[in-house]
C-alpha atoms as a PDB file:
ATOM      1  CA  MET A   1      25.485  16.668  74.580  1.00  0.00           C
ATOM      2  CA  ARG A   2      21.771  18.270  72.216  1.00  0.00           C
ATOM      3  CA  LEU A   3      21.890  17.405  69.125  1.00  0.00           C
ATOM      4  CA  VAL A   4      21.298  20.769  66.511  1.00  0.00           C
ATOM      5  CA  LEU A   5      20.823  20.129  63.015  1.00  0.00           C
ATOM      6  CA  GLY A   6      22.547  22.400  60.518  1.00  0.00           C
ATOM      7  CA  SER A   7      18.869  20.943  57.612  1.00  0.00           C
ATOM      8  CA  GLY A   8      15.435  22.486  55.982  1.00  0.00           C
ATOM      9  CA  SER A   9      15.287  19.157  55.010  1.00  0.00           C
ATOM     10  CA  PRO A  10      12.261  16.778  56.438  1.00  0.00           C
ATOM     11  CA  ARG A  11      13.867  14.206  54.702  1.00  0.00           C
ATOM     12  CA  ARG A  12      16.848  14.667  56.754  1.00  0.00           C
ATOM     13  CA  ARG A  13      15.212  14.803  60.597  1.00  0.00           C
ATOM     14  CA  GLU A  14      12.753  11.521  59.731  1.00  0.00           C
ATOM     15  CA  LEU A  15      16.294   9.152  59.278  1.00  0.00           C
ATOM     16  CA  LEU A  16      17.479   9.901  62.398  1.00  0.00           C
ATOM     17  CA  ALA A  17      14.479   8.775  63.498  1.00  0.00           C
ATOM     18  CA  GLN A  18      14.294   6.102  62.299  1.00  0.00           C
ATOM     19  CA  ILE A  19      18.413   5.692  64.755  1.00  0.00           C
ATOM     20  CA  GLY A  20      15.964   7.429  68.303  1.00  0.00           C
ATOM     21  CA  LEU A  21      17.948  11.361  67.074  1.00  0.00           C
ATOM     22  CA  THR A  22      15.355  14.118  67.439  1.00  0.00           C
ATOM     23  CA  PRO A  23      17.296  17.409  66.929  1.00  0.00           C
ATOM     24  CA  ALA A  24      16.882  20.179  70.286  1.00  0.00           C
ATOM     25  CA  ASP A  25      16.907  22.691  67.922  1.00  0.00           C
ATOM     26  CA  ILE A  26      16.584  23.485  63.514  1.00  0.00           C
ATOM     27  CA  ARG A  27      19.521  26.485  62.092  1.00  0.00           C
ATOM     28  CA  ALA A  28      19.613  25.326  58.229  1.00  0.00           C
ATOM     29  CA  PRO A  29      22.745  27.237  57.539  1.00  0.00           C
ATOM     30  CA  ASP A  30      21.885  30.153  54.430  1.00  0.00           C
ATOM     31  CA  ILE A  31      25.449  29.511  52.375  1.00  0.00           C
ATOM     32  CA  ASP A  32      26.088  30.018  48.256  1.00  0.00           C
ATOM     33  CA  GLU A  33      25.566  27.117  46.891  1.00  0.00           C
ATOM     34  CA  THR A  34      27.159  27.943  43.618  1.00  0.00           C
ATOM     35  CA  PRO A  35      30.091  25.361  42.776  1.00  0.00           C
ATOM     36  CA  LEU A  36      33.753  26.166  41.789  1.00  0.00           C
ATOM     37  CA  LYS A  37      34.652  26.821  37.967  1.00  0.00           C
ATOM     38  CA  GLY A  38      35.752  22.923  37.227  1.00  0.00           C
ATOM     39  CA  GLU A  39      34.547  21.891  40.215  1.00  0.00           C
ATOM     40  CA  LEU A  40      33.655  17.989  40.773  1.00  0.00           C
ATOM     41  CA  PRO A  41      30.924  16.187  42.206  1.00  0.00           C
ATOM     42  CA  ARG A  42      32.501  14.550  45.187  1.00  0.00           C
ATOM     43  CA  PRO A  43      34.720  17.796  46.692  1.00  0.00           C
ATOM     44  CA  TYR A  44      32.175  20.002  46.408  1.00  0.00           C
ATOM     45  CA  CYS A  45      29.745  17.203  47.964  1.00  0.00           C
ATOM     46  CA  ALA A  46      32.401  17.817  50.344  1.00  0.00           C
ATOM     47  CA  ARG A  47      32.663  21.106  50.250  1.00  0.00           C
ATOM     48  CA  MET A  48      29.032  22.588  51.520  1.00  0.00           C
ATOM     49  CA  ALA A  49      28.486  20.137  54.228  1.00  0.00           C
ATOM     50  CA  GLU A  50      31.629  21.905  55.453  1.00  0.00           C
ATOM     51  CA  GLU A  51      31.355  25.274  54.477  1.00  0.00           C
ATOM     52  CA  LYS A  52      26.843  24.621  56.197  1.00  0.00           C
ATOM     53  CA  ALA A  53      28.537  23.146  59.207  1.00  0.00           C
ATOM     54  CA  ALA A  54      30.802  25.928  59.708  1.00  0.00           C
ATOM     55  CA  ALA A  55      28.185  28.713  59.078  1.00  0.00           C
ATOM     56  CA  VAL A  56      25.766  27.481  62.406  1.00  0.00           C
ATOM     57  CA  THR A  57      26.392  28.727  65.451  1.00  0.00           C
ATOM     58  CA  ILE A  58      26.443  26.809  68.293  1.00  0.00           C
ATOM     59  CA  ALA A  59      27.077  26.524  72.227  1.00  0.00           C
ATOM     60  CA  THR A  60      29.276  24.103  74.035  1.00  0.00           C
ATOM     61  CA  ASP A  61      27.099  21.558  74.718  1.00  0.00           C
ATOM     62  CA  GLU A  62      25.528  21.282  71.343  1.00  0.00           C
ATOM     63  CA  VAL A  63      26.216  19.568  68.518  1.00  0.00           C
ATOM     64  CA  LEU A  64      25.720  20.475  65.426  1.00  0.00           C
ATOM     65  CA  LEU A  65      24.468  18.126  61.840  1.00  0.00           C
ATOM     66  CA  CYS A  66      24.499  18.780  57.958  1.00  0.00           C
ATOM     67  CA  ALA A  67      24.495  17.130  55.390  1.00  0.00           C
ATOM     68  CA  ASP A  68      24.952  18.287  50.743  1.00  0.00           C
ATOM     69  CA  THR A  69      23.023  15.063  48.514  1.00  0.00           C
ATOM     70  CA  THR A  70      24.428  15.976  45.295  1.00  0.00           C
ATOM     71  CA  VAL A  71      23.490  13.723  42.156  1.00  0.00           C
ATOM     72  CA  ALA A  72      26.163  13.364  38.827  1.00  0.00           C
ATOM     73  CA  MET A  73      26.774  12.566  36.196  1.00  0.00           C
ATOM     74  CA  GLY A  74      29.899  11.919  34.930  1.00  0.00           C
ATOM     75  CA  ARG A  75      31.612  15.218  36.137  1.00  0.00           C
ATOM     76  CA  ARG A  76      28.048  17.095  35.881  1.00  0.00           C
ATOM     77  CA  ILE A  77      26.607  18.313  39.049  1.00  0.00           C
ATOM     78  CA  LEU A  78      22.700  17.568  38.446  1.00  0.00           C
ATOM     79  CA  GLY A  79      22.091  20.766  41.224  1.00  0.00           C
ATOM     80  CA  LYS A  80      18.079  20.812  41.299  1.00  0.00           C
ATOM     81  CA  PRO A  81      15.610  21.832  39.133  1.00  0.00           C
ATOM     82  CA  ALA A  82      14.916  26.071  39.179  1.00  0.00           C
ATOM     83  CA  ASP A  83      11.640  24.755  37.456  1.00  0.00           C
ATOM     84  CA  GLU A  84       9.632  21.604  35.916  1.00  0.00           C
ATOM     85  CA  ALA A  85      12.063  22.368  32.526  1.00  0.00           C
ATOM     86  CA  GLU A  86      14.929  21.774  33.559  1.00  0.00           C
ATOM     87  CA  ALA A  87      13.438  18.392  35.977  1.00  0.00           C
ATOM     88  CA  ARG A  88      12.007  16.791  32.745  1.00  0.00           C
ATOM     89  CA  ASP A  89      16.512  17.588  31.466  1.00  0.00           C
ATOM     90  CA  PHE A  90      17.622  16.082  34.370  1.00  0.00           C
ATOM     91  CA  LEU A  91      14.879  12.646  34.059  1.00  0.00           C
ATOM     92  CA  ALA A  92      15.428  12.064  30.212  1.00  0.00           C
ATOM     93  CA  ARG A  93      19.390  12.945  30.709  1.00  0.00           C
ATOM     94  CA  LEU A  94      19.377  10.609  33.691  1.00  0.00           C
ATOM     95  CA  SER A  95      17.161   7.625  31.530  1.00  0.00           C
ATOM     96  CA  GLY A  96      18.650   3.981  31.190  1.00  0.00           C
ATOM     97  CA  ARG A  97      21.612   5.803  32.738  1.00  0.00           C
ATOM     98  CA  ARG A  98      23.916   4.783  35.828  1.00  0.00           C
ATOM     99  CA  HIS A  99      24.626   7.708  37.763  1.00  0.00           C
ATOM    100  CA  ARG A 100      26.611   8.097  41.211  1.00  0.00           C
ATOM    101  CA  VAL A 101      24.817  10.284  44.364  1.00  0.00           C
ATOM    102  CA  TYR A 102      27.200  12.430  47.526  1.00  0.00           C
ATOM    103  CA  THR A 103      25.752  12.861  50.619  1.00  0.00           C
ATOM    104  CA  GLY A 104      28.468  14.572  52.191  1.00  0.00           C
ATOM    105  CA  VAL A 105      28.244  14.816  56.168  1.00  0.00           C
ATOM    106  CA  ALA A 106      29.632  16.712  58.708  1.00  0.00           C
ATOM    107  CA  VAL A 107      30.101  17.170  62.658  1.00  0.00           C
ATOM    108  CA  ARG A 108      30.907  19.569  64.498  1.00  0.00           C
ATOM    109  CA  ARG A 109      31.242  20.056  68.312  1.00  0.00           C
ATOM    110  CA  GLY A 110      33.000  23.592  70.252  1.00  0.00           C
ATOM    111  CA  ALA A 111      36.331  23.928  67.860  1.00  0.00           C
ATOM    112  CA  GLN A 112      36.084  20.238  66.844  1.00  0.00           C
ATOM    113  CA  SER A 113      34.724  19.123  63.182  1.00  0.00           C
ATOM    114  CA  TRP A 114      34.599  15.385  61.086  1.00  0.00           C
ATOM    115  CA  SER A 115      33.496  14.419  58.421  1.00  0.00           C
ATOM    116  CA  ARG A 116      32.791  11.955  55.858  1.00  0.00           C
ATOM    117  CA  THR A 117      30.995  11.591  52.205  1.00  0.00           C
ATOM    118  CA  VAL A 118      29.607   8.397  50.636  1.00  0.00           C
ATOM    119  CA  GLU A 119      28.562   7.538  47.026  1.00  0.00           C
ATOM    120  CA  SER A 120      26.187   5.565  46.378  1.00  0.00           C
ATOM    121  CA  THR A 121      25.368   4.316  42.151  1.00  0.00           C
ATOM    122  CA  VAL A 122      21.883   4.145  41.101  1.00  0.00           C
ATOM    123  CA  ARG A 123      19.990   3.458  37.888  1.00  0.00           C
ATOM    124  CA  LEU A 124      16.709   4.519  36.619  1.00  0.00           C
ATOM    125  CA  LYS A 125      15.004   2.879  33.903  1.00  0.00           C
ATOM    126  CA  GLN A 126      14.464   4.008  30.984  1.00  0.00           C
ATOM    127  CA  LEU A 127      12.020   6.203  30.908  1.00  0.00           C
ATOM    128  CA  SER A 128       8.704   6.785  28.325  1.00  0.00           C
ATOM    129  CA  LYS A 129       6.862  10.398  28.186  1.00  0.00           C
ATOM    130  CA  ASP A 130       4.753   8.621  29.854  1.00  0.00           C
ATOM    131  CA  ASP A 131       6.462   7.867  33.347  1.00  0.00           C
ATOM    132  CA  ILE A 132       8.575  11.474  32.762  1.00  0.00           C
ATOM    133  CA  ASP A 133       4.736  13.052  32.620  1.00  0.00           C
ATOM    134  CA  GLY A 134       3.370  10.922  35.368  1.00  0.00           C
ATOM    135  CA  TYR A 135       6.194  11.614  37.832  1.00  0.00           C
ATOM    136  CA  ILE A 136       5.826  15.418  37.316  1.00  0.00           C
ATOM    137  CA  ALA A 137       2.713  15.516  38.207  1.00  0.00           C
ATOM    138  CA  THR A 138       3.111  14.254  41.509  1.00  0.00           C
ATOM    139  CA  GLY A 139       5.722  17.323  42.397  1.00  0.00           C
ATOM    140  CA  ASP A 140       7.436  15.190  43.714  1.00  0.00           C
ATOM    141  CA  TRP A 141      10.134  16.411  41.936  1.00  0.00           C
ATOM    142  CA  GLN A 142      10.745  19.740  43.465  1.00  0.00           C
ATOM    143  CA  GLY A 143      13.782  20.995  45.853  1.00  0.00           C
ATOM    144  CA  LYS A 144      15.441  17.200  44.675  1.00  0.00           C
ATOM    145  CA  ALA A 145      18.315  16.928  43.842  1.00  0.00           C
ATOM    146  CA  GLY A 146      18.954  15.340  40.472  1.00  0.00           C
ATOM    147  CA  GLY A 147      15.044  16.549  40.076  1.00  0.00           C
ATOM    148  CA  TYR A 148      14.099  12.793  41.534  1.00  0.00           C
ATOM    149  CA  ALA A 149      13.539  11.406  45.246  1.00  0.00           C
ATOM    150  CA  ILE A 150      14.229   7.303  45.485  1.00  0.00           C
ATOM    151  CA  GLN A 151      12.056   7.243  48.465  1.00  0.00           C
ATOM    152  CA  GLY A 152       8.858   9.265  45.812  1.00  0.00           C
ATOM    153  CA  PRO A 153       6.913   7.848  44.074  1.00  0.00           C
ATOM    154  CA  ALA A 154      10.437   7.313  41.740  1.00  0.00           C
ATOM    155  CA  ALA A 155      10.868   5.110  43.540  1.00  0.00           C
ATOM    156  CA  VAL A 156       8.892   3.114  40.852  1.00  0.00           C
ATOM    157  CA  LEU A 157      11.050   4.814  38.278  1.00  0.00           C
ATOM    158  CA  VAL A 158      14.528   2.636  40.098  1.00  0.00           C
ATOM    159  CA  ALA A 159      16.191   0.432  37.995  1.00  0.00           C
ATOM    160  CA  TRP A 160      19.148  -0.599  39.687  1.00  0.00           C
ATOM    161  CA  MET A 161      21.153   1.480  42.982  1.00  0.00           C
ATOM    162  CA  GLN A 162      24.205  -0.264  45.053  1.00  0.00           C
ATOM    163  CA  GLY A 163      25.668   1.795  48.357  1.00  0.00           C
ATOM    164  CA  SER A 164      23.673   3.853  50.877  1.00  0.00           C
ATOM    165  CA  PHE A 165      19.867   4.219  50.132  1.00  0.00           C
ATOM    166  CA  SER A 166      20.029   6.273  53.780  1.00  0.00           C
ATOM    167  CA  GLY A 167      22.634   7.618  51.777  1.00  0.00           C
ATOM    168  CA  VAL A 168      20.732   8.933  48.336  1.00  0.00           C
ATOM    169  CA  VAL A 169      17.605  10.078  50.878  1.00  0.00           C
ATOM    170  CA  GLY A 170      19.881  12.189  52.057  1.00  0.00           C
ATOM    171  CA  LEU A 171      21.527  10.768  55.061  1.00  0.00           C
ATOM    172  CA  PRO A 172      23.413   8.146  55.033  1.00  0.00           C
ATOM    173  CA  LEU A 173      22.752   6.417  58.325  1.00  0.00           C
ATOM    174  CA  HIS A 174      25.997   4.408  59.164  1.00  0.00           C
ATOM    175  CA  GLU A 175      28.390   6.756  57.780  1.00  0.00           C
ATOM    176  CA  THR A 176      26.280   9.820  60.570  1.00  0.00           C
ATOM    177  CA  ALA A 177      25.728   7.595  63.323  1.00  0.00           C
ATOM    178  CA  ASN A 178      29.770   6.254  63.415  1.00  0.00           C
ATOM    179  CA  LEU A 179      30.008  10.939  63.626  1.00  0.00           C
ATOM    180  CA  LEU A 180      28.302  11.383  66.054  1.00  0.00           C
ATOM    181  CA  GLN A 181      29.042   8.769  68.056  1.00  0.00           C
ATOM    182  CA  THR A 182      32.975   9.888  67.833  1.00  0.00           C
ATOM    183  CA  ALA A 183      31.965  13.928  68.425  1.00  0.00           C
ATOM    184  CA  GLY A 184      30.343  12.728  71.495  1.00  0.00           C
ATOM    185  CA  LEU A 185      26.673  11.930  71.392  1.00  0.00           C
ATOM    186  CA  PRO A 186      25.231   8.543  72.206  1.00  0.00           C
ATOM    187  CA  ILE A 187      23.042   6.428  69.234  1.00  0.00           C
ATOM    188  CA  TRP A 188      20.967   3.771  70.881  1.00  0.00           C
ATOM    189  CA  GLY A 189      19.194   5.105  73.912  1.00  0.00           C
ATOM    190  CA  ALA A 190      19.811   9.300  72.857  1.00  0.00           C
ATOM    191  CA  ARG A 191      16.676  11.013  73.240  1.00  0.00           C
END
């Protein structure tokens, strides 16, 4: 069995490497990631992971892994900020508040598919102007759901979290390993 990662995320490749997996191929799907009108964050995240998995062509000896991470404040989805101003707005909204991070994982082998959505809760400290300015200056916010990455410089902004740390980074390893094993891909000793 060959593992195909349906994501261009270097963070997801790094997380897979932690459990000894290196994708045989990377095939990032190109799908419309616009939320549907009135769509809630958790179902949106699950739909994105499943649509990504459906959009990638695989051979019979391949197992496909796709994922999507969504940051949510209540019913509002905070995607990847379009620019610095939106990143600042996201950080100001998240300042001192708890929010949810969902990561949907979808695995497909042939016509069979399996999926799971993992929910974690994160609270950023009360952010000062200097905190926001300093973090924005790192550029680490670019391409990150909610405008921050818990595993980078933003770690100093995180006061508390509950749930899956690797899920907040972008791939919940416990659930991912279980799904891959269900699809017939061995985790321990697989290369």
